[in-house]
Amino acid sequence: MGPPRPSRARSAGTGNRSGLADSYRLALRAAALANARLDDLTDARTLLADHPPLPDVVDTDLHTLREVGHRLRQVFQSATAGGGQEAVDELNALLARHRVRPMISGTSAIDWHMHVATPGTPRSVEYVAAAVWGLSVWLCERGIDRLGVCAEPRCPTAFLDDSRNRCRRFCSDRCATRHHVRAHRARHRAAQP
């Protein structure tokens, strides 16, 4: 009869810890990095808190995260402004610099999972490689119009549009409500004699 086979989700890579198969989760990581305020190592540790336990975050990690976060923000801004080619060019440059080096890890068939970098790779490098890969796959699968920056003027949040009809303009219901209430009040003031 043989040993039990692992579930299909696990063997297909969708149940992994930091694998390449779940582009949405990894693309969310890219949006989080684009939105992150990285003033110090504590901020970097907070960003990486859900990442598998690896060596502690150091200054070089903070520098890498800041640089890539800034460049990912440019990707979202270009996509929102209609500059699809600029967004793709920036993602391609990030992909070239932060290559995914997939590796199967685990101790047995029921524990196998994918990592995006070899053991001993700094946390920030693995995080960035996965984020850039995920956002690139998301863009290819869903389209450039699925990347956005909040339309609320006071909110700079980058987001992934996972709406059914591709019409999301705001990062949250709160921002949408704030924007619509302000517009309603402005129309009401303009209509008064």
Protein backbone atom coordinates (compact mmCIF):
# COMPACT_ATOMS: atom_id res chain seq x y z
CA MET A 1 0.00 0.00 0.00
CA GLY A 2 2.91 2.45 0.63
CA PRO A 3 3.32 5.57 2.73
CA PRO A 4 0.52 8.13 2.81
CA ARG A 5 0.83 10.83 0.20
CA PRO A 6 0.89 14.47 1.27
CA SER A 7 -2.18 16.52 0.46
CA ARG A 8 -2.32 17.95 -3.05
CA ALA A 9 -2.28 21.53 -1.73
CA ARG A 10 0.92 20.88 0.16
CA SER A 11 2.68 19.14 -2.69
CA ALA A 12 1.53 21.76 -5.19
CA GLY A 13 3.14 24.47 -3.12
CA THR A 14 0.00 26.30 -2.03
CA GLY A 15 0.29 25.28 1.58
CA ASN A 16 3.90 26.32 1.96
CA ARG A 17 5.42 28.76 4.41
CA SER A 18 7.23 31.10 2.05
CA GLY A 19 6.81 29.44 -1.30
CA LEU A 20 6.42 30.79 -4.78
CA ALA A 21 2.98 29.41 -5.57
CA ASP A 22 0.86 31.91 -3.64
CA SER A 23 1.41 35.05 -5.71
CA TYR A 24 -1.37 36.99 -3.95
CA ARG A 25 0.19 36.52 -0.51
CA LEU A 26 3.61 37.44 -1.84
CA ALA A 27 2.23 40.43 -3.77
CA LEU A 28 0.63 41.61 -0.51
CA ARG A 29 4.12 41.43 0.93
CA ALA A 30 5.28 43.80 -1.83
CA ALA A 31 2.45 46.23 -1.05
CA ALA A 32 3.34 46.06 2.65
CA LEU A 33 6.96 46.85 1.82
CA ALA A 34 5.93 49.75 -0.45
CA ASN A 35 3.81 51.14 2.42
CA ALA A 36 6.24 50.42 5.25
CA ARG A 37 7.65 53.19 7.33
CA LEU A 38 11.17 51.97 7.95
CA ASP A 39 12.68 54.50 10.34
CA ASP A 40 14.75 52.02 12.30
CA LEU A 41 15.49 48.34 12.94
CA THR A 42 12.35 47.97 15.06
CA ASP A 43 10.22 48.90 12.03
CA ALA A 44 12.12 46.37 9.91
CA ARG A 45 11.62 43.67 12.54
CA THR A 46 7.90 44.45 12.63
CA LEU A 47 7.66 44.13 8.85
CA LEU A 48 9.50 40.80 8.91
CA ALA A 49 7.68 39.45 11.99
CA ASP A 50 5.61 36.92 10.02
CA HIS A 51 8.61 35.75 8.03
CA PRO A 52 10.13 32.42 9.07
CA PRO A 53 12.61 32.78 11.93
CA LEU A 54 16.03 33.55 10.54
CA PRO A 55 18.97 35.54 11.93
CA ASP A 56 18.20 38.93 13.47
CA VAL A 57 17.68 42.04 11.34
CA VAL A 58 20.75 44.25 10.91
CA ASP A 59 21.48 47.66 9.35
CA THR A 60 22.13 46.21 5.89
CA ASP A 61 18.67 44.60 5.99
CA LEU A 62 17.12 47.95 6.84
CA HIS A 63 18.94 49.59 3.93
CA THR A 64 17.79 46.86 1.50
CA LEU A 65 14.19 47.07 2.69
CA ARG A 66 14.13 50.87 2.40
CA GLU A 67 15.60 50.85 -1.10
CA VAL A 68 13.28 48.17 -2.44
CA GLY A 69 10.27 49.65 -0.64
CA HIS A 70 10.90 52.96 -2.39
CA ARG A 71 11.25 51.25 -5.77
CA LEU A 72 8.09 49.19 -5.22
CA ARG A 73 6.22 52.38 -4.35
CA GLN A 74 7.34 53.72 -7.74
CA VAL A 75 5.92 50.61 -9.39
CA PHE A 76 2.52 51.17 -7.78
CA GLN A 77 2.56 54.90 -8.60
CA SER A 78 3.51 54.28 -12.23
CA ALA A 79 0.79 51.67 -12.61
CA THR A 80 -1.81 54.01 -11.09
CA ALA A 81 -0.76 56.90 -13.34
CA GLY A 82 -1.07 54.77 -16.48
CA GLY A 83 2.65 54.16 -16.87
CA GLY A 84 2.44 50.41 -17.27
CA GLN A 85 5.72 50.08 -19.14
CA GLU A 86 7.60 52.07 -16.48
CA ALA A 87 6.13 49.81 -13.78
CA VAL A 88 7.15 46.69 -15.71
CA ASP A 89 10.64 48.05 -16.37
CA GLU A 90 11.13 48.77 -12.66
CA LEU A 91 9.86 45.31 -11.70
CA ASN A 92 12.19 43.72 -14.24
CA ALA A 93 15.12 45.63 -12.75
CA LEU A 94 14.11 44.47 -9.28
CA LEU A 95 13.75 40.88 -10.49
CA ALA A 96 17.23 41.01 -12.00
CA ARG A 97 18.76 42.36 -8.81
CA HIS A 98 16.79 40.27 -6.29
CA ARG A 99 16.67 36.86 -7.91
CA VAL A 100 14.49 34.07 -6.62
CA ARG A 101 16.55 30.97 -5.91
CA PRO A 102 13.90 28.35 -5.14
CA MET A 103 14.84 25.55 -2.81
CA ILE A 104 12.83 22.70 -1.34
CA SER A 105 13.18 22.45 2.41
CA GLY A 106 11.85 20.12 5.09
CA THR A 107 12.57 16.82 6.73
CA SER A 108 10.03 14.54 5.04
CA ALA A 109 7.38 14.43 2.33
CA ILE A 110 4.73 15.85 4.65
CA ASP A 111 6.97 18.77 5.65
CA TRP A 112 8.43 19.76 2.26
CA HIS A 113 7.95 23.38 1.31
CA MET A 114 9.55 25.97 -0.92
CA HIS A 115 11.89 28.74 0.10
CA VAL A 116 12.86 31.54 -2.25
CA ALA A 117 16.50 31.60 -1.17
CA THR A 118 19.19 29.26 0.04
CA PRO A 119 19.76 28.70 3.77
CA GLY A 120 21.72 31.46 5.45
CA THR A 121 20.38 34.17 3.16
CA PRO A 122 19.67 37.40 5.08
CA ARG A 123 16.02 37.88 6.02
CA SER A 124 15.65 41.03 3.97
CA VAL A 125 17.02 39.38 0.82
CA GLU A 126 14.59 36.47 1.06
CA TYR A 127 11.69 38.76 1.91
CA VAL A 128 12.44 41.11 -0.99
CA ALA A 129 12.96 38.30 -3.51
CA ALA A 130 9.61 36.77 -2.58
CA ALA A 131 7.81 40.13 -2.63
CA VAL A 132 9.17 41.15 -6.03
CA TRP A 133 8.45 37.70 -7.47
CA GLY A 134 4.91 37.70 -6.07
CA LEU A 135 4.10 41.16 -7.36
CA SER A 136 5.49 40.27 -10.79
CA VAL A 137 3.38 37.10 -11.00
CA TRP A 138 0.31 39.00 -9.74
CA LEU A 139 0.83 41.64 -12.45
CA CYS A 140 1.18 38.98 -15.16
CA GLU A 141 -1.83 36.98 -13.95
CA ARG A 142 -4.18 39.87 -13.13
CA GLY A 143 -2.95 42.86 -15.15
CA ILE A 144 -1.27 46.16 -14.43
CA ASP A 145 -4.59 47.80 -13.58
CA ARG A 146 -4.73 45.65 -10.44
CA LEU A 147 -1.98 47.73 -8.80
CA GLY A 148 -3.11 50.96 -7.21
CA VAL A 149 -2.41 53.86 -4.89
CA CYS A 150 -5.30 55.15 -2.78
CA ALA A 151 -7.33 57.91 -4.47
CA GLU A 152 -7.86 59.65 -1.12
CA PRO A 153 -5.47 62.64 -1.37
CA ARG A 154 -4.38 62.31 2.27
CA CYS A 155 -3.57 58.60 1.99
CA PRO A 156 -0.52 57.32 0.07
CA THR A 157 -1.26 53.60 0.59
CA ALA A 158 -0.38 51.20 -2.23
CA PHE A 159 -2.78 48.28 -2.66
CA LEU A 160 -3.72 45.30 -4.82
CA ASP A 161 -7.12 45.54 -6.47
CA ASP A 162 -8.70 42.17 -5.83
CA SER A 163 -12.22 43.39 -6.59
CA ARG A 164 -14.36 41.42 -8.98
CA ASN A 165 -14.85 44.27 -11.45
CA ARG A 166 -11.38 45.89 -11.33
CA CYS A 167 -12.68 49.22 -10.07
CA ARG A 168 -11.09 49.64 -6.65
CA ARG A 169 -9.78 53.18 -6.16
CA PHE A 170 -9.24 53.29 -2.42
CA CYS A 171 -7.10 51.23 -0.07
CA SER A 172 -9.97 50.77 2.41
CA ASP A 173 -13.64 51.48 3.01
CA ARG A 174 -12.57 54.13 5.50
CA CYS A 175 -10.67 56.11 2.86
CA ALA A 176 -13.50 55.73 0.35
CA THR A 177 -16.03 57.01 2.88
CA ARG A 178 -13.79 59.92 3.89
CA HIS A 179 -13.34 60.91 0.24
CA HIS A 180 -17.04 60.64 -0.63
CA VAL A 181 -18.16 62.55 2.48
CA ARG A 182 -15.72 65.37 1.68
CA ALA A 183 -16.98 65.51 -1.94
CA HIS A 184 -20.62 65.50 -0.75
CA ARG A 185 -19.98 68.35 1.68
CA ALA A 186 -18.19 70.36 -1.01
CA ARG A 187 -21.14 69.91 -3.40
CA HIS A 188 -23.56 70.87 -0.63
CA ARG A 189 -21.58 74.04 0.18
CA ALA A 190 -21.40 74.97 -3.51
CA ALA A 191 -25.16 74.54 -3.93
CA GLN A 192 -26.00 76.89 -1.03
CA PRO A 193 -26.67 80.53 -1.89
